[in-house]
Amino acid sequence: MSEDDLLRCVLDLAKLYGWRSFHARPAMTAMGYRTAVSGDGRGFPDLIMLKDADLLVVELKVDGKRPTREQEDWLEAFYPIALDATVWRPADWHDGTILRVLKGE
């Protein structure tokens, strides 16, 4: 399962369970794919999801790939205020972890 496949699956499931979601899509430029950001945006998490007073902050990675230092720093910054600030991988989809979190179990 690619990161793009995982993203589509998570967004669909999040919508099904009533989460509002945000994902900034990269765009192709002359220098390859880039996500336009300002300020401290480098490494910003892939997904921000809200439901009622719950905030989920998620970095998506394929199995075997680690978050960058900037991505880890963002997750750590969100951790005190989020229901969860974490990395999700295809294995988390297949074992039902993502489903349980989005269902609120």
Protein backbone atom coordinates (compact mmCIF):
# COMPACT_ATOMS: atom_id res chain seq x y z
CA MET A 1 0.00 0.00 0.00
CA SER A 2 1.48 3.35 -1.05
CA GLU A 3 1.30 6.49 1.06
CA ASP A 4 -1.20 7.95 -1.44
CA ASP A 5 -3.40 4.85 -1.14
CA LEU A 6 -3.24 5.08 2.65
CA LEU A 7 -4.14 8.78 2.50
CA ARG A 8 -7.22 8.11 0.35
CA CYS A 9 -8.35 5.30 2.65
CA VAL A 10 -7.88 7.37 5.81
CA LEU A 11 -9.68 10.40 4.34
CA ASP A 12 -12.63 8.23 3.25
CA LEU A 13 -12.87 6.54 6.65
CA ALA A 14 -12.52 9.84 8.50
CA LYS A 15 -15.41 11.29 6.50
CA LEU A 16 -17.52 8.20 7.20
CA TYR A 17 -17.03 8.67 10.96
CA GLY A 18 -17.66 12.42 10.97
CA TRP A 19 -14.12 13.82 11.15
CA ARG A 20 -13.26 17.08 9.42
CA SER A 21 -9.92 16.69 7.70
CA PHE A 22 -7.20 18.82 6.14
CA HIS A 23 -4.39 17.68 3.87
CA ALA A 24 -2.16 20.01 1.83
CA ARG A 25 -1.44 18.40 -1.52
CA PRO A 26 1.95 18.95 -3.12
CA ALA A 27 2.01 20.39 -6.63
CA MET A 28 4.41 19.69 -9.49
CA THR A 29 6.88 22.52 -10.08
CA ALA A 30 9.95 22.85 -12.29
CA MET A 31 11.90 21.51 -9.29
CA GLY A 32 9.64 18.49 -8.69
CA TYR A 33 6.79 18.13 -6.22
CA ARG A 34 6.59 20.91 -3.64
CA THR A 35 4.05 21.94 -1.00
CA ALA A 36 3.90 25.72 -0.71
CA VAL A 37 4.21 26.79 2.93
CA SER A 38 5.21 29.86 4.89
CA GLY A 39 6.63 30.24 8.36
CA ASP A 40 7.68 27.00 10.04
CA GLY A 41 5.76 24.76 7.65
CA ARG A 42 8.59 22.41 6.75
CA GLY A 43 7.65 18.94 8.00
CA PHE A 44 4.04 19.88 8.85
CA PRO A 45 1.96 16.71 9.37
CA ASP A 46 0.08 15.12 6.48
CA LEU A 47 -3.32 15.18 8.17
CA ILE A 48 -5.12 17.34 10.67
CA MET A 49 -8.49 15.92 11.69
CA LEU A 50 -11.13 17.33 14.04
CA LYS A 51 -14.26 15.84 15.52
CA ASP A 52 -16.04 17.67 18.32
CA ALA A 53 -13.22 18.59 20.72
CA ASP A 54 -10.87 15.86 19.47
CA LEU A 55 -7.82 16.67 17.37
CA LEU A 56 -5.83 14.05 15.49
CA VAL A 57 -2.48 14.95 13.95
CA VAL A 58 -1.08 12.29 11.66
CA GLU A 59 2.03 11.80 9.58
CA LEU A 60 1.61 9.03 7.01
CA LYS A 61 4.55 6.82 6.10
CA VAL A 62 5.00 3.62 4.16
CA ASP A 63 6.33 0.69 6.14
CA GLY A 64 10.05 1.03 6.74
CA LYS A 65 10.24 4.80 6.18
CA ARG A 66 10.91 7.08 9.14
CA PRO A 67 9.62 10.64 9.71
CA THR A 68 12.12 13.44 9.20
CA ARG A 69 13.39 15.41 12.18
CA GLU A 70 11.08 18.29 11.18
CA GLN A 71 8.08 15.93 11.06
CA GLU A 72 8.95 14.51 14.48
CA ASP A 73 9.27 18.05 15.87
CA TRP A 74 5.77 18.94 14.63
CA LEU A 75 4.25 15.79 16.12
CA GLU A 76 5.94 16.53 19.45
CA ALA A 77 4.60 20.12 19.35
CA PHE A 78 1.02 18.87 18.82
CA TYR A 79 1.24 16.02 21.31
CA PRO A 80 0.17 18.00 24.44
CA ILE A 81 -3.00 19.34 22.80
CA ALA A 82 -4.07 16.49 20.51
CA LEU A 83 -6.03 13.34 21.21
CA ASP A 84 -3.17 11.75 19.30
CA ALA A 85 -0.16 13.03 17.33
CA THR A 86 1.30 10.02 15.60
CA VAL A 87 2.61 8.23 12.54
CA TRP A 88 0.26 5.86 10.70
CA ARG A 89 1.50 3.21 8.31
CA PRO A 90 -0.21 0.66 6.06
CA ALA A 91 0.24 -1.90 8.85
CA ASP A 92 -1.97 0.31 11.08
CA TRP A 93 -4.66 0.19 8.40
CA HIS A 94 -4.45 -3.57 7.99
CA ASP A 95 -4.48 -4.38 11.72
CA GLY A 96 -7.49 -2.12 12.40
CA THR A 97 -5.68 0.52 14.47
CA ILE A 98 -6.82 3.40 12.25
CA LEU A 99 -10.40 2.13 12.22
CA ARG A 100 -10.48 1.91 16.03
CA VAL A 101 -9.12 5.44 16.44
CA LEU A 102 -11.52 7.00 13.94
CA LYS A 103 -14.49 5.10 15.42
CA GLY A 104 -13.50 6.39 18.87
CA GLU A 105 -12.87 2.99 20.43
